[in-house]
Amino acid sequence: MVVTAAQLSQLVAAFAINEYPATHERDALAARLAMPSRKVQIWFQNRRRSLRVQERTARQLSQIDGVHGDDGDKGEDGAEDRNSEEGAAVPHKTSDVRNQ
């Protein structure tokens, strides 16, 4: 059984309201959509899983961006870091509390 565009639209709308519908809510939705309740249950499970995978992928990509940065060899202030190409240590902007 293939989900029609109209059914999908209603499933998405119901999901936006509640990602975990109770059995009676799922049964009522299935009756309105002329679908088996089990198919509606599986659709919700698949949708939640799909969102988790998307969120995990986005989180991993943001961590990669955070590690590599997207500003090339520029520091926090946007100035180019000339020491990075020479392999020299780049001084930190924070003060060393031990020497105060």
PDB file of N, CA and C in Angstrom:
ATOM      1  N   MET A   1       0.841  -1.179   0.000  1.00  0.00           N
ATOM      2  CA  MET A   1       0.000   0.000   0.000  1.00  0.00           C
ATOM      3  C   MET A   1       0.887   1.244   0.000  1.00  0.00           C
ATOM      4  N   VAL A   2       0.655   2.112  -0.950  1.00  0.00           N
ATOM      5  CA  VAL A   2       1.417   3.342  -1.097  1.00  0.00           C
ATOM      6  C   VAL A   2       0.652   4.481  -0.424  1.00  0.00           C
ATOM      7  N   VAL A   3       1.390   5.344   0.256  1.00  0.00           N
ATOM      8  CA  VAL A   3       0.783   6.499   0.907  1.00  0.00           C
ATOM      9  C   VAL A   3       0.584   7.585  -0.137  1.00  0.00           C
ATOM     10  N   THR A   4      -0.633   8.097  -0.235  1.00  0.00           N
ATOM     11  CA  THR A   4      -0.920   9.155  -1.208  1.00  0.00           C
ATOM     12  C   THR A   4      -0.430  10.497  -0.677  1.00  0.00           C
ATOM     13  N   ALA A   5      -0.390  11.478  -1.539  1.00  0.00           N
ATOM     14  CA  ALA A   5       0.040  12.826  -1.153  1.00  0.00           C
ATOM     15  C   ALA A   5      -0.896  13.398  -0.085  1.00  0.00           C
ATOM     16  N   ALA A   6      -2.183  13.157  -0.220  1.00  0.00           N
ATOM     17  CA  ALA A   6      -3.153  13.661   0.760  1.00  0.00           C
ATOM     18  C   ALA A   6      -2.942  12.991   2.118  1.00  0.00           C
ATOM     19  N   GLN A   7      -2.711  11.678   2.103  1.00  0.00           N
ATOM     20  CA  GLN A   7      -2.463  10.968   3.357  1.00  0.00           C
ATOM     21  C   GLN A   7      -1.155  11.454   3.998  1.00  0.00           C
ATOM     22  N   LEU A   8      -0.144  11.611   3.179  1.00  0.00           N
ATOM     23  CA  LEU A   8       1.146  12.074   3.676  1.00  0.00           C
ATOM     24  C   LEU A   8       1.024  13.445   4.323  1.00  0.00           C
ATOM     25  N   SER A   9       0.269  14.311   3.689  1.00  0.00           N
ATOM     26  CA  SER A   9       0.058  15.647   4.224  1.00  0.00           C
ATOM     27  C   SER A   9      -0.563  15.588   5.614  1.00  0.00           C
ATOM     28  N   GLN A  10      -1.553  14.732   5.790  1.00  0.00           N
ATOM     29  CA  GLN A  10      -2.213  14.603   7.090  1.00  0.00           C
ATOM     30  C   GLN A  10      -1.301  13.925   8.120  1.00  0.00           C
ATOM     31  N   LEU A  11      -0.500  12.968   7.672  1.00  0.00           N
ATOM     32  CA  LEU A  11       0.446  12.321   8.578  1.00  0.00           C
ATOM     33  C   LEU A  11       1.490  13.320   9.072  1.00  0.00           C
ATOM     34  N   VAL A  12       2.010  14.127   8.167  1.00  0.00           N
ATOM     35  CA  VAL A  12       3.004  15.138   8.534  1.00  0.00           C
ATOM     36  C   VAL A  12       2.397  16.150   9.502  1.00  0.00           C
ATOM     37  N   ALA A  13       1.164  16.566   9.240  1.00  0.00           N
ATOM     38  CA  ALA A  13       0.496  17.522  10.126  1.00  0.00           C
ATOM     39  C   ALA A  13       0.287  16.916  11.517  1.00  0.00           C
ATOM     40  N   ALA A  14      -0.121  15.656  11.564  1.00  0.00           N
ATOM     41  CA  ALA A  14      -0.323  14.983  12.851  1.00  0.00           C
ATOM     42  C   ALA A  14       1.011  14.825  13.579  1.00  0.00           C
ATOM     43  N   PHE A  15       2.069  14.537  12.852  1.00  0.00           N
ATOM     44  CA  PHE A  15       3.396  14.385  13.445  1.00  0.00           C
ATOM     45  C   PHE A  15       3.886  15.701  14.032  1.00  0.00           C
ATOM     46  N   ALA A  16       3.584  16.796  13.371  1.00  0.00           N
ATOM     47  CA  ALA A  16       3.990  18.115  13.864  1.00  0.00           C
ATOM     48  C   ALA A  16       3.337  18.422  15.202  1.00  0.00           C
ATOM     49  N   ILE A  17       2.144  17.888  15.409  1.00  0.00           N
ATOM     50  CA  ILE A  17       1.421  18.116  16.661  1.00  0.00           C
ATOM     51  C   ILE A  17       1.914  17.170  17.750  1.00  0.00           C
ATOM     52  N   ASN A  18       2.120  15.908  17.389  1.00  0.00           N
ATOM     53  CA  ASN A  18       2.517  14.904  18.376  1.00  0.00           C
ATOM     54  C   ASN A  18       3.322  13.807  17.692  1.00  0.00           C
ATOM     55  N   GLU A  19       4.607  13.687  18.061  1.00  0.00           N
ATOM     56  CA  GLU A  19       5.467  12.664  17.468  1.00  0.00           C
ATOM     57  C   GLU A  19       5.180  11.271  18.011  1.00  0.00           C
ATOM     58  N   TYR A  20       4.504  11.202  19.161  1.00  0.00           N
ATOM     59  CA  TYR A  20       4.192   9.921  19.798  1.00  0.00           C
ATOM     60  C   TYR A  20       2.687   9.832  20.099  1.00  0.00           C
ATOM     61  N   PRO A  21       1.868   9.625  19.078  1.00  0.00           N
ATOM     62  CA  PRO A  21       0.426   9.556  19.345  1.00  0.00           C
ATOM     63  C   PRO A  21       0.069   8.283  20.121  1.00  0.00           C
ATOM     64  N   ALA A  22      -0.919   8.425  20.989  1.00  0.00           N
ATOM     65  CA  ALA A  22      -1.427   7.278  21.738  1.00  0.00           C
ATOM     66  C   ALA A  22      -2.148   6.344  20.766  1.00  0.00           C
ATOM     67  N   THR A  23      -2.378   5.142  21.213  1.00  0.00           N
ATOM     68  CA  THR A  23      -3.010   4.134  20.358  1.00  0.00           C
ATOM     69  C   THR A  23      -4.344   4.623  19.814  1.00  0.00           C
ATOM     70  N   HIS A  24      -5.173   5.218  20.673  1.00  0.00           N
ATOM     71  CA  HIS A  24      -6.493   5.666  20.207  1.00  0.00           C
ATOM     72  C   HIS A  24      -6.356   6.814  19.188  1.00  0.00           C
ATOM     73  N   GLU A  25      -5.348   7.668  19.359  1.00  0.00           N
ATOM     74  CA  GLU A  25      -5.128   8.756  18.388  1.00  0.00           C
ATOM     75  C   GLU A  25      -4.648   8.192  17.047  1.00  0.00           C
ATOM     76  N   ARG A  26      -3.754   7.230  17.126  1.00  0.00           N
ATOM     77  CA  ARG A  26      -3.249   6.591  15.920  1.00  0.00           C
ATOM     78  C   ARG A  26      -4.367   5.844  15.185  1.00  0.00           C
ATOM     79  N   ASP A  27      -5.226   5.172  15.942  1.00  0.00           N
ATOM     80  CA  ASP A  27      -6.353   4.449  15.335  1.00  0.00           C
ATOM     81  C   ASP A  27      -7.330   5.410  14.661  1.00  0.00           C
ATOM     82  N   ALA A  28      -7.576   6.548  15.312  1.00  0.00           N
ATOM     83  CA  ALA A  28      -8.484   7.540  14.731  1.00  0.00           C
ATOM     84  C   ALA A  28      -7.889   8.117  13.450  1.00  0.00           C
ATOM     85  N   LEU A  29      -6.602   8.394  13.464  1.00  0.00           N
ATOM     86  CA  LEU A  29      -5.936   8.904  12.270  1.00  0.00           C
ATOM     87  C   LEU A  29      -5.983   7.870  11.145  1.00  0.00           C
ATOM     88  N   ALA A  30      -5.733   6.634  11.486  1.00  0.00           N
ATOM     89  CA  ALA A  30      -5.772   5.556  10.488  1.00  0.00           C
ATOM     90  C   ALA A  30      -7.167   5.440   9.871  1.00  0.00           C
ATOM     91  N   ALA A  31      -8.187   5.575  10.699  1.00  0.00           N
ATOM     92  CA  ALA A  31      -9.563   5.492  10.184  1.00  0.00           C
ATOM     93  C   ALA A  31      -9.841   6.663   9.235  1.00  0.00           C
ATOM     94  N   ARG A  32      -9.401   7.870   9.601  1.00  0.00           N
ATOM     95  CA  ARG A  32      -9.602   9.040   8.723  1.00  0.00           C
ATOM     96  C   ARG A  32      -8.865   8.888   7.405  1.00  0.00           C
ATOM     97  N   LEU A  33      -7.716   8.240   7.447  1.00  0.00           N
ATOM     98  CA  LEU A  33      -6.899   8.091   6.242  1.00  0.00           C
ATOM     99  C   LEU A  33      -7.196   6.815   5.464  1.00  0.00           C
ATOM    100  N   ALA A  34      -8.087   5.993   5.996  1.00  0.00           N
ATOM    101  CA  ALA A  34      -8.428   4.702   5.375  1.00  0.00           C
ATOM    102  C   ALA A  34      -7.167   3.858   5.206  1.00  0.00           C
ATOM    103  N   MET A  35      -6.385   3.802   6.283  1.00  0.00           N
ATOM    104  CA  MET A  35      -5.157   3.024   6.311  1.00  0.00           C
ATOM    105  C   MET A  35      -5.191   2.092   7.513  1.00  0.00           C
ATOM    106  N   PRO A  36      -4.468   0.999   7.448  1.00  0.00           N
ATOM    107  CA  PRO A  36      -4.364   0.157   8.644  1.00  0.00           C
ATOM    108  C   PRO A  36      -3.617   0.900   9.755  1.00  0.00           C
ATOM    109  N   SER A  37      -4.043   0.693  10.981  1.00  0.00           N
ATOM    110  CA  SER A  37      -3.410   1.352  12.123  1.00  0.00           C
ATOM    111  C   SER A  37      -1.925   0.996  12.202  1.00  0.00           C
ATOM    112  N   ARG A  38      -1.593  -0.226  11.873  1.00  0.00           N
ATOM    113  CA  ARG A  38      -0.194  -0.664  11.916  1.00  0.00           C
ATOM    114  C   ARG A  38       0.660   0.131  10.928  1.00  0.00           C
ATOM    115  N   LYS A  39       0.102   0.438   9.763  1.00  0.00           N
ATOM    116  CA  LYS A  39       0.847   1.223   8.771  1.00  0.00           C
ATOM    117  C   LYS A  39       1.116   2.630   9.295  1.00  0.00           C
ATOM    118  N   VAL A  40       0.161   3.213   9.985  1.00  0.00           N
ATOM    119  CA  VAL A  40       0.329   4.538  10.581  1.00  0.00           C
ATOM    120  C   VAL A  40       1.404   4.461  11.671  1.00  0.00           C
ATOM    121  N   GLN A  41       1.361   3.404  12.483  1.00  0.00           N
ATOM    122  CA  GLN A  41       2.351   3.226  13.538  1.00  0.00           C
ATOM    123  C   GLN A  41       3.760   3.138  12.942  1.00  0.00           C
ATOM    124  N   ILE A  42       3.917   2.348  11.908  1.00  0.00           N
ATOM    125  CA  ILE A  42       5.222   2.194  11.257  1.00  0.00           C
ATOM    126  C   ILE A  42       5.662   3.515  10.634  1.00  0.00           C
ATOM    127  N   TRP A  43       4.734   4.265  10.044  1.00  0.00           N
ATOM    128  CA  TRP A  43       5.088   5.549   9.441  1.00  0.00           C
ATOM    129  C   TRP A  43       5.666   6.486  10.516  1.00  0.00           C
ATOM    130  N   PHE A  44       5.015   6.545  11.685  1.00  0.00           N
ATOM    131  CA  PHE A  44       5.501   7.403  12.772  1.00  0.00           C
ATOM    132  C   PHE A  44       6.874   6.938  13.261  1.00  0.00           C
ATOM    133  N   GLN A  45       7.071   5.634  13.385  1.00  0.00           N
ATOM    134  CA  GLN A  45       8.369   5.113  13.807  1.00  0.00           C
ATOM    135  C   GLN A  45       9.454   5.494  12.805  1.00  0.00           C
ATOM    136  N   ASN A  46       9.160   5.312  11.528  1.00  0.00           N
ATOM    137  CA  ASN A  46      10.130   5.642  10.486  1.00  0.00           C
ATOM    138  C   ASN A  46      10.432   7.137  10.457  1.00  0.00           C
ATOM    139  N   ARG A  47       9.414   7.936  10.661  1.00  0.00           N
ATOM    140  CA  ARG A  47       9.601   9.391  10.646  1.00  0.00           C
ATOM    141  C   ARG A  47      10.483   9.840  11.810  1.00  0.00           C
ATOM    142  N   ARG A  48      10.232   9.283  13.002  1.00  0.00           N
ATOM    143  CA  ARG A  48      11.067   9.633  14.159  1.00  0.00           C
ATOM    144  C   ARG A  48      12.512   9.200  13.931  1.00  0.00           C
ATOM    145  N   ARG A  49      12.697   8.021  13.374  1.00  0.00           N
ATOM    146  CA  ARG A  49      14.045   7.519  13.094  1.00  0.00           C
ATOM    147  C   ARG A  49      14.744   8.415  12.070  1.00  0.00           C
ATOM    148  N   SER A  50      14.029   8.796  11.044  1.00  0.00           N
ATOM    149  CA  SER A  50      14.589   9.660  10.007  1.00  0.00           C
ATOM    150  C   SER A  50      15.046  10.995  10.599  1.00  0.00           C
ATOM    151  N   LEU A  51      14.248  11.562  11.477  1.00  0.00           N
ATOM    152  CA  LEU A  51      14.624  12.831  12.118  1.00  0.00           C
ATOM    153  C   LEU A  51      15.854  12.670  12.994  1.00  0.00           C
ATOM    154  N   ARG A  52      15.934  11.556  13.732  1.00  0.00           N
ATOM    155  CA  ARG A  52      17.113  11.319  14.571  1.00  0.00           C
ATOM    156  C   ARG A  52      18.378  11.222  13.722  1.00  0.00           C
ATOM    157  N   VAL A  53      18.289  10.529  12.606  1.00  0.00           N
ATOM    158  CA  VAL A  53      19.446  10.387  11.716  1.00  0.00           C
ATOM    159  C   VAL A  53      19.840  11.749  11.154  1.00  0.00           C
ATOM    160  N   GLN A  54      18.858  12.548  10.742  1.00  0.00           N
ATOM    161  CA  GLN A  54      19.151  13.883  10.214  1.00  0.00           C
ATOM    162  C   GLN A  54      19.810  14.763  11.277  1.00  0.00           C
ATOM    163  N   GLU A  55      19.294  14.704  12.499  1.00  0.00           N
ATOM    164  CA  GLU A  55      19.856  15.512  13.583  1.00  0.00           C
ATOM    165  C   GLU A  55      21.290  15.080  13.897  1.00  0.00           C
ATOM    166  N   ARG A  56      21.527  13.765  13.918  1.00  0.00           N
ATOM    167  CA  ARG A  56      22.866  13.264  14.199  1.00  0.00           C
ATOM    168  C   ARG A  56      23.836  13.697  13.097  1.00  0.00           C
ATOM    169  N   THR A  57      23.402  13.611  11.854  1.00  0.00           N
ATOM    170  CA  THR A  57      24.245  14.025  10.732  1.00  0.00           C
ATOM    171  C   THR A  57      24.551  15.514  10.812  1.00  0.00           C
ATOM    172  N   ALA A  58      23.551  16.317  11.110  1.00  0.00           N
ATOM    173  CA  ALA A  58      23.758  17.762  11.230  1.00  0.00           C
ATOM    174  C   ALA A  58      24.713  18.069  12.375  1.00  0.00           C
ATOM    175  N   ARG A  59      24.567  17.358  13.489  1.00  0.00           N
ATOM    176  CA  ARG A  59      25.443  17.568  14.640  1.00  0.00           C
ATOM    177  C   ARG A  59      26.883  17.188  14.289  1.00  0.00           C
ATOM    178  N   GLN A  60      27.060  16.084  13.572  1.00  0.00           N
ATOM    179  CA  GLN A  60      28.399  15.662  13.169  1.00  0.00           C
ATOM    180  C   GLN A  60      29.019  16.674  12.210  1.00  0.00           C
ATOM    181  N   LEU A  61      28.221  17.184  11.287  1.00  0.00           N
ATOM    182  CA  LEU A  61      28.734  18.171  10.347  1.00  0.00           C
ATOM    183  C   LEU A  61      29.117  19.462  11.058  1.00  0.00           C
ATOM    184  N   SER A  62      28.330  19.870  12.041  1.00  0.00           N
ATOM    185  CA  SER A  62      28.665  21.096  12.762  1.00  0.00           C
ATOM    186  C   SER A  62      29.925  20.899  13.594  1.00  0.00           C
ATOM    187  N   GLN A  63      30.145  19.695  14.110  1.00  0.00           N
ATOM    188  CA  GLN A  63      31.372  19.417  14.842  1.00  0.00           C
ATOM    189  C   GLN A  63      32.570  19.452  13.902  1.00  0.00           C
ATOM    190  N   ILE A  64      32.414  18.936  12.707  1.00  0.00           N
ATOM    191  CA  ILE A  64      33.485  18.968  11.715  1.00  0.00           C
ATOM    192  C   ILE A  64      33.783  20.414  11.350  1.00  0.00           C
ATOM    193  N   ASP A  65      32.748  21.218  11.130  1.00  0.00           N
ATOM    194  CA  ASP A  65      32.937  22.638  10.827  1.00  0.00           C
ATOM    195  C   ASP A  65      33.627  23.340  11.979  1.00  0.00           C
ATOM    196  N   GLY A  66      33.285  22.970  13.201  1.00  0.00           N
ATOM    197  CA  GLY A  66      33.898  23.581  14.366  1.00  0.00           C
ATOM    198  C   GLY A  66      35.367  23.239  14.480  1.00  0.00           C
ATOM    199  N   VAL A  67      35.736  22.032  14.073  1.00  0.00           N
ATOM    200  CA  VAL A  67      37.133  21.606  14.139  1.00  0.00           C
ATOM    201  C   VAL A  67      37.936  22.255  13.029  1.00  0.00           C
ATOM    202  N   HIS A  68      37.403  22.247  11.823  1.00  0.00           N
ATOM    203  CA  HIS A  68      38.120  22.764  10.671  1.00  0.00           C
ATOM    204  C   HIS A  68      37.890  24.245  10.447  1.00  0.00           C
ATOM    205  N   GLY A  69      36.774  24.739  10.917  1.00  0.00           N
ATOM    206  CA  GLY A  69      36.424  26.147  10.682  1.00  0.00           C
ATOM    207  C   GLY A  69      36.112  26.363   9.215  1.00  0.00           C
ATOM    208  N   ASP A  70      35.482  27.454   8.931  1.00  0.00           N
ATOM    209  CA  ASP A  70      35.153  27.741   7.541  1.00  0.00           C
ATOM    210  C   ASP A  70      35.770  29.056   7.091  1.00  0.00           C
ATOM    211  N   ASP A  71      36.762  29.550   7.858  1.00  0.00           N
ATOM    212  CA  ASP A  71      37.369  30.826   7.514  1.00  0.00           C
ATOM    213  C   ASP A  71      38.836  30.682   7.117  1.00  0.00           C
ATOM    214  N   GLY A  72      39.252  29.507   6.686  1.00  0.00           N
ATOM    215  CA  GLY A  72      40.603  29.307   6.198  1.00  0.00           C
ATOM    216  C   GLY A  72      41.630  29.469   7.300  1.00  0.00           C
ATOM    217  N   ASP A  73      42.648  30.298   7.048  1.00  0.00           N
ATOM    218  CA  ASP A  73      43.731  30.512   8.004  1.00  0.00           C
ATOM    219  C   ASP A  73      43.542  31.785   8.802  1.00  0.00           C
ATOM    220  N   LYS A  74      42.315  32.189   9.022  1.00  0.00           N
ATOM    221  CA  LYS A  74      42.072  33.417   9.773  1.00  0.00           C
ATOM    222  C   LYS A  74      41.770  33.072  11.214  1.00  0.00           C
ATOM    223  N   GLY A  75      42.218  33.923  12.114  1.00  0.00           N
ATOM    224  CA  GLY A  75      41.990  33.720  13.539  1.00  0.00           C
ATOM    225  C   GLY A  75      40.608  34.180  13.943  1.00  0.00           C
ATOM    226  N   GLU A  76      40.394  34.237  15.241  1.00  0.00           N
ATOM    227  CA  GLU A  76      39.084  34.629  15.771  1.00  0.00           C
ATOM    228  C   GLU A  76      38.703  36.040  15.367  1.00  0.00           C
ATOM    229  N   ASP A  77      39.704  36.930  15.232  1.00  0.00           N
ATOM    230  CA  ASP A  77      39.413  38.319  14.901  1.00  0.00           C
ATOM    231  C   ASP A  77      39.323  38.553  13.402  1.00  0.00           C
ATOM    232  N   GLY A  78      39.489  37.503  12.598  1.00  0.00           N
ATOM    233  CA  GLY A  78      39.390  37.630  11.153  1.00  0.00           C
ATOM    234  C   GLY A  78      40.719  37.953  10.497  1.00  0.00           C
ATOM    235  N   ALA A  79      41.762  38.231  11.296  1.00  0.00           N
ATOM    236  CA  ALA A  79      43.077  38.532  10.735  1.00  0.00           C
ATOM    237  C   ALA A  79      43.743  37.236  10.309  1.00  0.00           C
ATOM    238  N   GLU A  80      44.487  37.307   9.233  1.00  0.00           N
ATOM    239  CA  GLU A  80      45.152  36.105   8.749  1.00  0.00           C
ATOM    240  C   GLU A  80      46.246  35.690   9.715  1.00  0.00           C
ATOM    241  N   ASP A  81      46.363  34.412   9.954  1.00  0.00           N
ATOM    242  CA  ASP A  81      47.348  33.871  10.872  1.00  0.00           C
ATOM    243  C   ASP A  81      48.580  33.460  10.078  1.00  0.00           C
ATOM    244  N   ARG A  82      49.594  34.285  10.067  1.00  0.00           N
ATOM    245  CA  ARG A  82      50.799  34.020   9.279  1.00  0.00           C
ATOM    246  C   ARG A  82      51.637  32.905   9.888  1.00  0.00           C
ATOM    247  N   ASN A  83      51.557  32.713  11.202  1.00  0.00           N
ATOM    248  CA  ASN A  83      52.354  31.685  11.861  1.00  0.00           C
ATOM    249  C   ASN A  83      51.896  30.273  11.528  1.00  0.00           C
ATOM    250  N   SER A  84      50.647  30.106  11.137  1.00  0.00           N
ATOM    251  CA  SER A  84      50.130  28.764  10.913  1.00  0.00           C
ATOM    252  C   SER A  84      50.809  28.097   9.730  1.00  0.00           C
ATOM    253  N   GLU A  85      51.217  28.840   8.727  1.00  0.00           N
ATOM    254  CA  GLU A  85      51.870  28.242   7.572  1.00  0.00           C
ATOM    255  C   GLU A  85      53.299  27.839   7.900  1.00  0.00           C
ATOM    256  N   GLU A  86      53.938  28.542   8.816  1.00  0.00           N
ATOM    257  CA  GLU A  86      55.327  28.262   9.152  1.00  0.00           C
ATOM    258  C   GLU A  86      55.446  27.162  10.198  1.00  0.00           C
ATOM    259  N   GLY A  87      54.341  26.733  10.768  1.00  0.00           N
ATOM    260  CA  GLY A  87      54.366  25.702  11.792  1.00  0.00           C
ATOM    261  C   GLY A  87      54.711  26.231  13.168  1.00  0.00           C
ATOM    262  N   ALA A  88      54.781  27.540  13.336  1.00  0.00           N
ATOM    263  CA  ALA A  88      55.106  28.134  14.628  1.00  0.00           C
ATOM    264  C   ALA A  88      53.879  28.119  15.516  1.00  0.00           C
ATOM    265  N   ALA A  89      54.123  28.154  16.809  1.00  0.00           N
ATOM    266  CA  ALA A  89      53.014  28.184  17.760  1.00  0.00           C
ATOM    267  C   ALA A  89      52.331  29.540  17.689  1.00  0.00           C
ATOM    268  N   VAL A  90      51.027  29.517  17.723  1.00  0.00           N
ATOM    269  CA  VAL A  90      50.242  30.742  17.686  1.00  0.00           C
ATOM    270  C   VAL A  90      49.904  31.118  19.117  1.00  0.00           C
ATOM    271  N   PRO A  91      50.277  32.329  19.559  1.00  0.00           N
ATOM    272  CA  PRO A  91      49.974  32.716  20.944  1.00  0.00           C
ATOM    273  C   PRO A  91      48.477  32.809  21.174  1.00  0.00           C
ATOM    274  N   HIS A  92      48.063  32.417  22.360  1.00  0.00           N
ATOM    275  CA  HIS A  92      46.648  32.483  22.728  1.00  0.00           C
ATOM    276  C   HIS A  92      46.313  33.892  23.163  1.00  0.00           C
ATOM    277  N   LYS A  93      45.063  34.278  22.968  1.00  0.00           N
ATOM    278  CA  LYS A  93      44.628  35.610  23.362  1.00  0.00           C
ATOM    279  C   LYS A  93      44.341  35.711  24.853  1.00  0.00           C
ATOM    280  N   THR A  94      44.143  34.562  25.506  1.00  0.00           N
ATOM    281  CA  THR A  94      43.852  34.605  26.928  1.00  0.00           C
ATOM    282  C   THR A  94      45.148  34.770  27.705  1.00  0.00           C
ATOM    283  N   SER A  95      45.067  35.424  28.825  1.00  0.00           N
ATOM    284  CA  SER A  95      46.275  35.634  29.632  1.00  0.00           C
ATOM    285  C   SER A  95      46.549  34.399  30.462  1.00  0.00           C
ATOM    286  N   ASP A  96      47.800  34.171  30.742  1.00  0.00           N
ATOM    287  CA  ASP A  96      48.205  33.041  31.554  1.00  0.00           C
ATOM    288  C   ASP A  96      48.100  33.428  33.021  1.00  0.00           C
ATOM    289  N   VAL A  97      47.196  32.809  33.761  1.00  0.00           N
ATOM    290  CA  VAL A  97      46.924  33.189  35.139  1.00  0.00           C
ATOM    291  C   VAL A  97      48.085  32.807  36.067  1.00  0.00           C
ATOM    292  N   ARG A  98      48.859  31.819  35.692  1.00  0.00           N
ATOM    293  CA  ARG A  98      49.962  31.390  36.550  1.00  0.00           C
ATOM    294  C   ARG A  98      51.047  32.461  36.670  1.00  0.00           C
ATOM    295  N   ASN A  99      51.237  33.286  35.672  1.00  0.00           N
ATOM    296  CA  ASN A  99      52.312  34.269  35.687  1.00  0.00           C
ATOM    297  C   ASN A  99      51.888  35.607  36.277  1.00  0.00           C
ATOM    298  N   GLN A 100      50.742  35.722  36.831  1.00  0.00           N
ATOM    299  CA  GLN A 100      50.271  37.008  37.353  1.00  0.00           C
ATOM    300  C   GLN A 100      50.478  37.100  38.823  1.00  0.00           C
TER     301      GLN A 100
END
